[in-house]
All heavy atoms as atom14 arrays in JSON, in Angstrom:
{
  "sequence": "TGGGVWKQTIFYPFKYTSLNGRGTALKADIECESFTEGKAVDIPAVD",
  "atom14_mask": [
    [1, 1, 1, 1, 1, 1, 1, 0, 0, 0, 0, 0, 0, 0],
    [1, 1, 1, 1, 0, 0, 0, 0, 0, 0, 0, 0, 0, 0],
    [1, 1, 1, 1, 0, 0, 0, 0, 0, 0, 0, 0, 0, 0],
    [1, 1, 1, 1, 0, 0, 0, 0, 0, 0, 0, 0, 0, 0],
    [1, 1, 1, 1, 1, 1, 1, 0, 0, 0, 0, 0, 0, 0],
    [1, 1, 1, 1, 1, 1, 1, 1, 1, 1, 1, 1, 1, 1],
    [1, 1, 1, 1, 1, 1, 1, 1, 1, 0, 0, 0, 0, 0],
    [1, 1, 1, 1, 1, 1, 1, 1, 1, 0, 0, 0, 0, 0],
    [1, 1, 1, 1, 1, 1, 1, 0, 0, 0, 0, 0, 0, 0],
    [1, 1, 1, 1, 1, 1, 1, 1, 0, 0, 0, 0, 0, 0],
    [1, 1, 1, 1, 1, 1, 1, 1, 1, 1, 1, 0, 0, 0],
    [1, 1, 1, 1, 1, 1, 1, 1, 1, 1, 1, 1, 0, 0],
    [1, 1, 1, 1, 1, 1, 1, 0, 0, 0, 0, 0, 0, 0],
    [1, 1, 1, 1, 1, 1, 1, 1, 1, 1, 1, 0, 0, 0],
    [1, 1, 1, 1, 1, 1, 1, 1, 1, 0, 0, 0, 0, 0],
    [1, 1, 1, 1, 1, 1, 1, 1, 1, 1, 1, 1, 0, 0],
    [1, 1, 1, 1, 1, 1, 1, 0, 0, 0, 0, 0, 0, 0],
    [1, 1, 1, 1, 1, 1, 0, 0, 0, 0, 0, 0, 0, 0],
    [1, 1, 1, 1, 1, 1, 1, 1, 0, 0, 0, 0, 0, 0],
    [1, 1, 1, 1, 1, 1, 1, 1, 0, 0, 0, 0, 0, 0],
    [1, 1, 1, 1, 0, 0, 0, 0, 0, 0, 0, 0, 0, 0],
    [1, 1, 1, 1, 1, 1, 1, 1, 1, 1, 1, 0, 0, 0],
    [1, 1, 1, 1, 0, 0, 0, 0, 0, 0, 0, 0, 0, 0],
    [1, 1, 1, 1, 1, 1, 1, 0, 0, 0, 0, 0, 0, 0],
    [1, 1, 1, 1, 1, 0, 0, 0, 0, 0, 0, 0, 0, 0],
    [1, 1, 1, 1, 1, 1, 1, 1, 0, 0, 0, 0, 0, 0],
    [1, 1, 1, 1, 1, 1, 1, 1, 1, 0, 0, 0, 0, 0],
    [1, 1, 1, 1, 1, 0, 0, 0, 0, 0, 0, 0, 0, 0],
    [1, 1, 1, 1, 1, 1, 1, 1, 0, 0, 0, 0, 0, 0],
    [1, 1, 1, 1, 1, 1, 1, 1, 0, 0, 0, 0, 0, 0],
    [1, 1, 1, 1, 1, 1, 1, 1, 1, 0, 0, 0, 0, 0],
    [1, 1, 1, 1, 1, 1, 0, 0, 0, 0, 0, 0, 0, 0],
    [1, 1, 1, 1, 1, 1, 1, 1, 1, 0, 0, 0, 0, 0],
    [1, 1, 1, 1, 1, 1, 0, 0, 0, 0, 0, 0, 0, 0],
    [1, 1, 1, 1, 1, 1, 1, 1, 1, 1, 1, 0, 0, 0],
    [1, 1, 1, 1, 1, 1, 1, 0, 0, 0, 0, 0, 0, 0],
    [1, 1, 1, 1, 1, 1, 1, 1, 1, 0, 0, 0, 0, 0],
    [1, 1, 1, 1, 0, 0, 0, 0, 0, 0, 0, 0, 0, 0],
    [1, 1, 1, 1, 1, 1, 1, 1, 1, 0, 0, 0, 0, 0],
    [1, 1, 1, 1, 1, 0, 0, 0, 0, 0, 0, 0, 0, 0],
    [1, 1, 1, 1, 1, 1, 1, 0, 0, 0, 0, 0, 0, 0],
    [1, 1, 1, 1, 1, 1, 1, 1, 0, 0, 0, 0, 0, 0],
    [1, 1, 1, 1, 1, 1, 1, 1, 0, 0, 0, 0, 0, 0],
    [1, 1, 1, 1, 1, 1, 1, 0, 0, 0, 0, 0, 0, 0],
    [1, 1, 1, 1, 1, 0, 0, 0, 0, 0, 0, 0, 0, 0],
    [1, 1, 1, 1, 1, 1, 1, 0, 0, 0, 0, 0, 0, 0],
    [1, 1, 1, 1, 1, 1, 1, 1, 0, 0, 0, 0, 0, 0]
  ],
  "atom14_positions": [
    [[27.5, -0.84, -9.43], [28.81, -0.71, -8.8], [29.73, 0.11, -9.71], [29.91, -0.21, -10.88], [29.41, -2.1, -8.53], [28.51, -2.83, -7.68], [30.75, -1.97, -7.84], [0.0, 0.0, 0.0], [0.0, 0.0, 0.0], [0.0, 0.0, 0.0], [0.0, 0.0, 0.0], [0.0, 0.0, 0.0], [0.0, 0.0, 0.0], [0.0, 0.0, 0.0]],
    [[30.22, 1.2, -9.16], [31.04, 2.12, -9.94], [30.24, 3.08, -10.8], [30.82, 3.94, -11.47], [0.0, 0.0, 0.0], [0.0, 0.0, 0.0], [0.0, 0.0, 0.0], [0.0, 0.0, 0.0], [0.0, 0.0, 0.0], [0.0, 0.0, 0.0], [0.0, 0.0, 0.0], [0.0, 0.0, 0.0], [0.0, 0.0, 0.0], [0.0, 0.0, 0.0]],
    [[28.91, 2.96, -10.76], [28.07, 3.78, -11.62], [26.95, 4.49, -10.89], [27.15, 4.99, -9.78], [0.0, 0.0, 0.0], [0.0, 0.0, 0.0], [0.0, 0.0, 0.0], [0.0, 0.0, 0.0], [0.0, 0.0, 0.0], [0.0, 0.0, 0.0], [0.0, 0.0, 0.0], [0.0, 0.0, 0.0], [0.0, 0.0, 0.0], [0.0, 0.0, 0.0]],
    [[25.77, 4.49, -11.51], [24.67, 5.3, -11.01], [23.77, 4.6, -10.02], [24.03, 3.48, -9.55], [0.0, 0.0, 0.0], [0.0, 0.0, 0.0], [0.0, 0.0, 0.0], [0.0, 0.0, 0.0], [0.0, 0.0, 0.0], [0.0, 0.0, 0.0], [0.0, 0.0, 0.0], [0.0, 0.0, 0.0], [0.0, 0.0, 0.0], [0.0, 0.0, 0.0]],
    [[22.66, 5.27, -9.7], [21.69, 4.8, -8.73], [20.3, 5.12, -9.25], [20.12, 6.09, -10.0], [21.94, 5.47, -7.35], [21.76, 6.97, -7.43], [21.08, 4.86, -6.27], [0.0, 0.0, 0.0], [0.0, 0.0, 0.0], [0.0, 0.0, 0.0], [0.0, 0.0, 0.0], [0.0, 0.0, 0.0], [0.0, 0.0, 0.0], [0.0, 0.0, 0.0]],
    [[19.32, 4.3, -8.9], [17.95, 4.62, -9.31], [16.93, 4.09, -8.31], [17.25, 3.27, -7.45], [17.66, 4.1, -10.72], [17.29, 2.65, -10.86], [16.04, 2.11, -10.9], [18.19, 1.54, -11.01], [16.1, 0.75, -11.06], [17.39, 0.37, -11.14], [19.57, 1.41, -11.05], [17.95, -0.9, -11.29], [20.13, 0.15, -11.21], [19.33, -0.98, -11.33]],
    [[15.71, 4.62, -8.43], [14.62, 4.26, -7.52], [13.78, 3.15, -8.16], [13.31, 3.29, -9.29], [13.72, 5.47, -7.27], [14.43, 6.68, -6.68], [13.49, 7.89, -6.65], [14.19, 9.13, -6.15], [13.31, 10.33, -6.19], [0.0, 0.0, 0.0], [0.0, 0.0, 0.0], [0.0, 0.0, 0.0], [0.0, 0.0, 0.0], [0.0, 0.0, 0.0]],
    [[13.57, 2.08, -7.4], [12.64, 1.05, -7.84], [11.21, 1.52, -7.59], [10.95, 2.49, -6.86], [12.92, -0.24, -7.08], [14.24, -0.9, -7.46], [14.06, -2.35, -7.86], [13.35, -2.66, -8.81], [14.72, -3.23, -7.13], [0.0, 0.0, 0.0], [0.0, 0.0, 0.0], [0.0, 0.0, 0.0], [0.0, 0.0, 0.0], [0.0, 0.0, 0.0]],
    [[10.25, 0.8, -8.18], [8.84, 1.19, -8.06], [8.39, 1.25, -6.61], [7.59, 2.12, -6.23], [7.93, 0.22, -8.82], [8.09, -1.11, -8.26], [8.28, 0.18, -10.3], [0.0, 0.0, 0.0], [0.0, 0.0, 0.0], [0.0, 0.0, 0.0], [0.0, 0.0, 0.0], [0.0, 0.0, 0.0], [0.0, 0.0, 0.0], [0.0, 0.0, 0.0]],
    [[8.89, 0.35, -5.76], [8.43, 0.3, -4.37], [8.95, 1.48, -3.56], [8.47, 1.71, -2.44], [8.81, -1.02, -3.69], [10.34, -1.16, -3.52], [8.24, -2.22, -4.46], [10.76, -2.32, -2.64], [0.0, 0.0, 0.0], [0.0, 0.0, 0.0], [0.0, 0.0, 0.0], [0.0, 0.0, 0.0], [0.0, 0.0, 0.0], [0.0, 0.0, 0.0]],
    [[9.9, 2.22, -4.08], [10.41, 3.41, -3.4], [9.28, 4.38, -3.11], [9.24, 4.98, -2.01], [11.46, 4.08, -4.3], [12.13, 5.3, -3.7], [13.37, 5.18, -3.08], [11.55, 6.56, -3.78], [14.01, 6.3, -2.55], [12.18, 7.68, -3.26], [13.41, 7.55, -2.63], [0.0, 0.0, 0.0], [0.0, 0.0, 0.0], [0.0, 0.0, 0.0]],
    [[8.37, 4.52, -4.04], [7.39, 5.61, -3.97], [6.31, 5.42, -2.9], [6.08, 6.35, -2.1], [6.79, 5.87, -5.35], [7.84, 6.31, -6.34], [8.34, 5.44, -7.3], [8.38, 7.6, -6.28], [9.32, 5.84, -8.19], [9.37, 8.01, -7.16], [9.84, 7.13, -8.12], [10.82, 7.53, -8.99], [0.0, 0.0, 0.0], [0.0, 0.0, 0.0]],
    [[5.64, 4.27, -2.81], [4.65, 4.15, -1.73], [5.31, 4.2, -0.35], [4.72, 4.74, 0.59], [3.98, 2.8, -1.99], [4.92, 2.06, -2.89], [5.6, 3.1, -3.7], [0.0, 0.0, 0.0], [0.0, 0.0, 0.0], [0.0, 0.0, 0.0], [0.0, 0.0, 0.0], [0.0, 0.0, 0.0], [0.0, 0.0, 0.0], [0.0, 0.0, 0.0]],
    [[6.53, 3.65, -0.23], [7.23, 3.74, 1.05], [7.51, 5.2, 1.4], [7.27, 5.64, 2.52], [8.53, 2.94, 1.02], [9.18, 2.83, 2.38], [8.93, 1.75, 3.2], [10.02, 3.83, 2.87], [9.51, 1.65, 4.47], [10.6, 3.76, 4.12], [10.35, 2.66, 4.93], [0.0, 0.0, 0.0], [0.0, 0.0, 0.0], [0.0, 0.0, 0.0]],
    [[8.0, 5.95, 0.43], [8.32, 7.37, 0.68], [7.08, 8.16, 1.09], [7.1, 8.88, 2.1], [8.94, 7.99, -0.57], [9.13, 9.49, -0.46], [9.63, 10.1, -1.76], [9.63, 11.62, -1.69], [10.15, 12.25, -2.93], [0.0, 0.0, 0.0], [0.0, 0.0, 0.0], [0.0, 0.0, 0.0], [0.0, 0.0, 0.0], [0.0, 0.0, 0.0]],
    [[6.0, 8.04, 0.33], [4.8, 8.84, 0.63], [4.23, 8.48, 1.99], [3.77, 9.36, 2.74], [3.75, 8.65, -0.46], [3.94, 9.58, -1.63], [4.67, 9.2, -2.75], [3.39, 10.87, -1.63], [4.86, 10.06, -3.82], [3.57, 11.74, -2.7], [4.31, 11.32, -3.79], [4.5, 12.18, -4.85], [0.0, 0.0, 0.0], [0.0, 0.0, 0.0]],
    [[4.26, 7.2, 2.34], [3.72, 6.79, 3.64], [4.64, 7.22, 4.77], [4.19, 7.72, 5.8], [3.49, 5.27, 3.67], [2.78, 4.87, 2.5], [2.66, 4.88, 4.88], [0.0, 0.0, 0.0], [0.0, 0.0, 0.0], [0.0, 0.0, 0.0], [0.0, 0.0, 0.0], [0.0, 0.0, 0.0], [0.0, 0.0, 0.0], [0.0, 0.0, 0.0]],
    [[5.95, 7.05, 4.59], [6.9, 7.46, 5.62], [6.83, 8.95, 5.9], [6.83, 9.38, 7.06], [8.33, 7.08, 5.19], [9.29, 7.58, 6.07], [0.0, 0.0, 0.0], [0.0, 0.0, 0.0], [0.0, 0.0, 0.0], [0.0, 0.0, 0.0], [0.0, 0.0, 0.0], [0.0, 0.0, 0.0], [0.0, 0.0, 0.0], [0.0, 0.0, 0.0]],
    [[6.76, 9.76, 4.85], [6.77, 11.21, 5.04], [5.45, 11.73, 5.58], [5.42, 12.71, 6.33], [7.1, 11.9, 3.72], [8.47, 11.63, 3.11], [8.69, 12.52, 1.9], [9.59, 11.82, 4.12], [0.0, 0.0, 0.0], [0.0, 0.0, 0.0], [0.0, 0.0, 0.0], [0.0, 0.0, 0.0], [0.0, 0.0, 0.0], [0.0, 0.0, 0.0]],
    [[4.34, 11.12, 5.19], [3.02, 11.66, 5.52], [2.24, 10.85, 6.55], [1.2, 11.31, 7.02], [2.18, 11.78, 4.24], [2.83, 12.69, 3.21], [2.89, 13.89, 3.38], [3.37, 12.09, 2.15], [0.0, 0.0, 0.0], [0.0, 0.0, 0.0], [0.0, 0.0, 0.0], [0.0, 0.0, 0.0], [0.0, 0.0, 0.0], [0.0, 0.0, 0.0]],
    [[2.77, 9.67, 6.89], [2.06, 8.8, 7.82], [2.56, 8.89, 9.24], [2.62, 7.89, 9.94], [0.0, 0.0, 0.0], [0.0, 0.0, 0.0], [0.0, 0.0, 0.0], [0.0, 0.0, 0.0], [0.0, 0.0, 0.0], [0.0, 0.0, 0.0], [0.0, 0.0, 0.0], [0.0, 0.0, 0.0], [0.0, 0.0, 0.0], [0.0, 0.0, 0.0]],
    [[2.92, 10.08, 9.68], [3.41, 10.27, 11.04], [2.39, 11.08, 11.83], [1.94, 12.12, 11.38], [4.77, 10.96, 11.02], [5.73, 10.21, 10.09], [7.17, 10.35, 10.42], [7.98, 9.59, 9.48], [9.21, 9.17, 9.71], [9.76, 9.43, 10.88], [9.88, 8.49, 8.81], [0.0, 0.0, 0.0], [0.0, 0.0, 0.0], [0.0, 0.0, 0.0]],
    [[2.04, 10.57, 12.99], [1.0, 11.2, 13.79], [0.18, 10.11, 14.46], [0.72, 9.2, 15.08], [0.0, 0.0, 0.0], [0.0, 0.0, 0.0], [0.0, 0.0, 0.0], [0.0, 0.0, 0.0], [0.0, 0.0, 0.0], [0.0, 0.0, 0.0], [0.0, 0.0, 0.0], [0.0, 0.0, 0.0], [0.0, 0.0, 0.0], [0.0, 0.0, 0.0]],
    [[-1.13, 10.19, 14.31], [-2.05, 9.23, 14.93], [-2.87, 8.53, 13.86], [-3.45, 9.18, 12.99], [-2.99, 9.94, 15.91], [-2.21, 10.56, 16.95], [-3.97, 8.97, 16.54], [0.0, 0.0, 0.0], [0.0, 0.0, 0.0], [0.0, 0.0, 0.0], [0.0, 0.0, 0.0], [0.0, 0.0, 0.0], [0.0, 0.0, 0.0], [0.0, 0.0, 0.0]],
    [[-2.88, 7.2, 13.92], [-3.63, 6.41, 12.93], [-5.1, 6.37, 13.3], [-5.47, 6.22, 14.48], [-3.06, 5.0, 12.85], [0.0, 0.0, 0.0], [0.0, 0.0, 0.0], [0.0, 0.0, 0.0], [0.0, 0.0, 0.0], [0.0, 0.0, 0.0], [0.0, 0.0, 0.0], [0.0, 0.0, 0.0], [0.0, 0.0, 0.0], [0.0, 0.0, 0.0]],
    [[-5.95, 6.51, 12.29], [-7.4, 6.48, 12.46], [-7.98, 5.35, 11.62], [-7.6, 5.15, 10.46], [-8.02, 7.81, 12.02], [-7.5, 9.08, 12.71], [-8.13, 10.31, 12.07], [-7.8, 9.05, 14.21], [0.0, 0.0, 0.0], [0.0, 0.0, 0.0], [0.0, 0.0, 0.0], [0.0, 0.0, 0.0], [0.0, 0.0, 0.0], [0.0, 0.0, 0.0]],
    [[-8.93, 4.65, 12.21], [-9.59, 3.55, 11.51], [-10.51, 4.08, 10.42], [-11.2, 5.09, 10.6], [-10.4, 2.71, 12.5], [-11.08, 1.49, 11.92], [-11.79, 0.71, 13.01], [-12.45, -0.54, 12.45], [-13.57, -0.24, 11.55], [0.0, 0.0, 0.0], [0.0, 0.0, 0.0], [0.0, 0.0, 0.0], [0.0, 0.0, 0.0], [0.0, 0.0, 0.0]],
    [[-10.53, 3.41, 9.29], [-11.46, 3.74, 8.21], [-12.53, 2.67, 8.15], [-12.22, 1.48, 8.03], [-10.71, 3.83, 6.89], [0.0, 0.0, 0.0], [0.0, 0.0, 0.0], [0.0, 0.0, 0.0], [0.0, 0.0, 0.0], [0.0, 0.0, 0.0], [0.0, 0.0, 0.0], [0.0, 0.0, 0.0], [0.0, 0.0, 0.0], [0.0, 0.0, 0.0]],
    [[-13.78, 3.07, 8.24], [-14.9, 2.14, 8.05], [-15.25, 2.12, 6.57], [-15.53, 3.18, 5.98], [-16.12, 2.57, 8.87], [-15.88, 2.39, 10.37], [-15.29, 1.36, 10.74], [-16.27, 3.28, 11.14], [0.0, 0.0, 0.0], [0.0, 0.0, 0.0], [0.0, 0.0, 0.0], [0.0, 0.0, 0.0], [0.0, 0.0, 0.0], [0.0, 0.0, 0.0]],
    [[-15.24, 0.94, 5.98], [-15.34, 0.83, 4.53], [-16.48, -0.1, 4.14], [-16.65, -1.19, 4.72], [-14.01, 0.31, 3.94], [-12.88, 1.3, 4.27], [-14.11, 0.11, 2.43], [-11.5, 0.76, 4.02], [0.0, 0.0, 0.0], [0.0, 0.0, 0.0], [0.0, 0.0, 0.0], [0.0, 0.0, 0.0], [0.0, 0.0, 0.0], [0.0, 0.0, 0.0]],
    [[-17.25, 0.34, 3.17], [-18.26, -0.51, 2.54], [-17.89, -0.66, 1.07], [-17.78, 0.35, 0.35], [-19.67, 0.09, 2.67], [-20.17, 0.15, 4.11], [-21.59, 0.71, 4.19], [-22.28, 0.74, 3.14], [-21.99, 1.11, 5.29], [0.0, 0.0, 0.0], [0.0, 0.0, 0.0], [0.0, 0.0, 0.0], [0.0, 0.0, 0.0], [0.0, 0.0, 0.0]],
    [[-17.66, -1.9, 0.65], [-17.24, -2.12, -0.74], [-17.5, -3.57, -1.13], [-17.86, -4.4, -0.29], [-15.75, -1.79, -0.91], [-14.66, -2.89, 0.02], [0.0, 0.0, 0.0], [0.0, 0.0, 0.0], [0.0, 0.0, 0.0], [0.0, 0.0, 0.0], [0.0, 0.0, 0.0], [0.0, 0.0, 0.0], [0.0, 0.0, 0.0], [0.0, 0.0, 0.0]],
    [[-17.28, -3.86, -2.38], [-17.38, -5.23, -2.87], [-16.18, -6.04, -2.4], [-15.17, -5.49, -1.96], [-17.41, -5.23, -4.4], [-18.59, -4.51, -5.01], [-18.5, -4.48, -6.54], [-17.59, -5.14, -7.1], [-19.33, -3.81, -7.16], [0.0, 0.0, 0.0], [0.0, 0.0, 0.0], [0.0, 0.0, 0.0], [0.0, 0.0, 0.0], [0.0, 0.0, 0.0]],
    [[-16.31, -7.36, -2.51], [-15.19, -8.26, -2.23], [-14.97, -9.17, -3.43], [-15.81, -9.25, -4.33], [-15.47, -9.12, -0.99], [-15.59, -8.3, 0.16], [0.0, 0.0, 0.0], [0.0, 0.0, 0.0], [0.0, 0.0, 0.0], [0.0, 0.0, 0.0], [0.0, 0.0, 0.0], [0.0, 0.0, 0.0], [0.0, 0.0, 0.0], [0.0, 0.0, 0.0]],
    [[-13.81, -9.84, -3.45], [-13.55, -10.79, -4.52], [-12.79, -11.99, -3.96], [-12.18, -11.93, -2.89], [-12.73, -10.15, -5.66], [-11.34, -9.73, -5.28], [-10.27, -10.62, -5.33], [-11.08, -8.42, -4.87], [-8.98, -10.23, -4.98], [-9.78, -8.02, -4.52], [-8.73, -8.93, -4.58], [0.0, 0.0, 0.0], [0.0, 0.0, 0.0], [0.0, 0.0, 0.0]],
    [[-12.86, -13.1, -4.69], [-12.09, -14.3, -4.36], [-11.33, -14.72, -5.61], [-11.89, -14.8, -6.7], [-13.01, -15.44, -3.89], [-13.6, -15.07, -2.64], [-12.23, -16.73, -3.71], [0.0, 0.0, 0.0], [0.0, 0.0, 0.0], [0.0, 0.0, 0.0], [0.0, 0.0, 0.0], [0.0, 0.0, 0.0], [0.0, 0.0, 0.0], [0.0, 0.0, 0.0]],
    [[-10.02, -14.95, -5.42], [-9.18, -15.37, -6.54], [-8.11, -16.3, -5.99], [-7.23, -15.88, -5.23], [-8.53, -14.16, -7.22], [-7.65, -14.49, -8.4], [-8.44, -14.89, -9.64], [-9.59, -14.42, -9.78], [-7.91, -15.66, -10.45], [0.0, 0.0, 0.0], [0.0, 0.0, 0.0], [0.0, 0.0, 0.0], [0.0, 0.0, 0.0], [0.0, 0.0, 0.0]],
    [[-8.17, -17.59, -6.33], [-7.2, -18.54, -5.84], [-7.23, -18.62, -4.32], [-8.3, -18.82, -3.72], [0.0, 0.0, 0.0], [0.0, 0.0, 0.0], [0.0, 0.0, 0.0], [0.0, 0.0, 0.0], [0.0, 0.0, 0.0], [0.0, 0.0, 0.0], [0.0, 0.0, 0.0], [0.0, 0.0, 0.0], [0.0, 0.0, 0.0], [0.0, 0.0, 0.0]],
    [[-6.07, -18.44, -3.69], [-5.98, -18.5, -2.24], [-6.44, -17.21, -1.57], [-6.56, -17.15, -0.34], [-4.53, -18.8, -1.83], [-4.04, -20.16, -2.29], [-2.57, -20.36, -1.91], [-2.04, -21.68, -2.45], [-0.6, -21.86, -2.15], [0.0, 0.0, 0.0], [0.0, 0.0, 0.0], [0.0, 0.0, 0.0], [0.0, 0.0, 0.0], [0.0, 0.0, 0.0]],
    [[-6.68, -16.17, -2.36], [-7.18, -14.9, -1.82], [-8.7, -14.98, -1.75], [-9.39, -14.86, -2.77], [-6.73, -13.75, -2.71], [0.0, 0.0, 0.0], [0.0, 0.0, 0.0], [0.0, 0.0, 0.0], [0.0, 0.0, 0.0], [0.0, 0.0, 0.0], [0.0, 0.0, 0.0], [0.0, 0.0, 0.0], [0.0, 0.0, 0.0], [0.0, 0.0, 0.0]],
    [[-9.22, -15.2, -0.56], [-10.64, -15.47, -0.38], [-11.32, -14.3, 0.31], [-10.86, -13.83, 1.36], [-10.84, -16.76, 0.45], [-12.32, -17.03, 0.69], [-10.2, -17.95, -0.26], [0.0, 0.0, 0.0], [0.0, 0.0, 0.0], [0.0, 0.0, 0.0], [0.0, 0.0, 0.0], [0.0, 0.0, 0.0], [0.0, 0.0, 0.0], [0.0, 0.0, 0.0]],
    [[-12.42, -13.84, -0.29], [-13.26, -12.78, 0.3], [-12.43, -11.55, 0.65], [-12.44, -11.06, 1.77], [-13.99, -13.31, 1.54], [-15.19, -12.45, 1.91], [-15.71, -11.75, 1.02], [-15.58, -12.46, 3.09], [0.0, 0.0, 0.0], [0.0, 0.0, 0.0], [0.0, 0.0, 0.0], [0.0, 0.0, 0.0], [0.0, 0.0, 0.0], [0.0, 0.0, 0.0]],
    [[-11.73, -11.04, -0.35], [-10.84, -9.9, -0.18], [-11.6, -8.6, -0.46], [-12.17, -8.44, -1.55], [-9.64, -9.99, -1.15], [-8.89, -11.31, -0.97], [-8.71, -8.8, -0.96], [-8.27, -11.52, 0.37], [0.0, 0.0, 0.0], [0.0, 0.0, 0.0], [0.0, 0.0, 0.0], [0.0, 0.0, 0.0], [0.0, 0.0, 0.0], [0.0, 0.0, 0.0]],
    [[-11.65, -7.66, 0.49], [-12.29, -6.38, 0.21], [-11.58, -5.68, -0.96], [-10.35, -5.6, -0.98], [-12.11, -5.59, 1.5], [-11.91, -6.63, 2.56], [-11.17, -7.74, 1.88], [0.0, 0.0, 0.0], [0.0, 0.0, 0.0], [0.0, 0.0, 0.0], [0.0, 0.0, 0.0], [0.0, 0.0, 0.0], [0.0, 0.0, 0.0], [0.0, 0.0, 0.0]],
    [[-12.36, -5.19, -1.91], [-11.76, -4.54, -3.09], [-11.07, -3.24, -2.72], [-10.09, -2.85, -3.37], [-12.82, -4.3, -4.15], [0.0, 0.0, 0.0], [0.0, 0.0, 0.0], [0.0, 0.0, 0.0], [0.0, 0.0, 0.0], [0.0, 0.0, 0.0], [0.0, 0.0, 0.0], [0.0, 0.0, 0.0], [0.0, 0.0, 0.0], [0.0, 0.0, 0.0]],
    [[-11.56, -2.57, -1.7], [-11.0, -1.28, -1.28], [-10.59, -1.38, 0.19], [-11.31, -1.96, 1.01], [-12.02, -0.14, -1.47], [-11.52, 1.16, -0.86], [-12.34, 0.04, -2.95], [0.0, 0.0, 0.0], [0.0, 0.0, 0.0], [0.0, 0.0, 0.0], [0.0, 0.0, 0.0], [0.0, 0.0, 0.0], [0.0, 0.0, 0.0], [0.0, 0.0, 0.0]],
    [[-9.45, -0.81, 0.5], [-9.04, -0.7, 1.9], [-8.34, 0.64, 2.1], [-7.86, 1.25, 1.13], [-8.11, -1.85, 2.31], [-8.11, -2.07, 3.82], [-8.86, -1.38, 4.54], [-7.36, -2.96, 4.28], [0.0, 0.0, 0.0], [0.0, 0.0, 0.0], [0.0, 0.0, 0.0], [0.0, 0.0, 0.0], [0.0, 0.0, 0.0], [0.0, 0.0, 0.0]]
  ]
}
């Protein structure tokens, strides 16, 4: 307040997706390992 402005870390993935993610979404078929950690069960490592 009364001073400067800055970008938080989350600014960047939102910006890149907003600017480049316009058009038609295509499904990606993925083969990869999975992991389980705490409440995160059978999570694909890559998406």
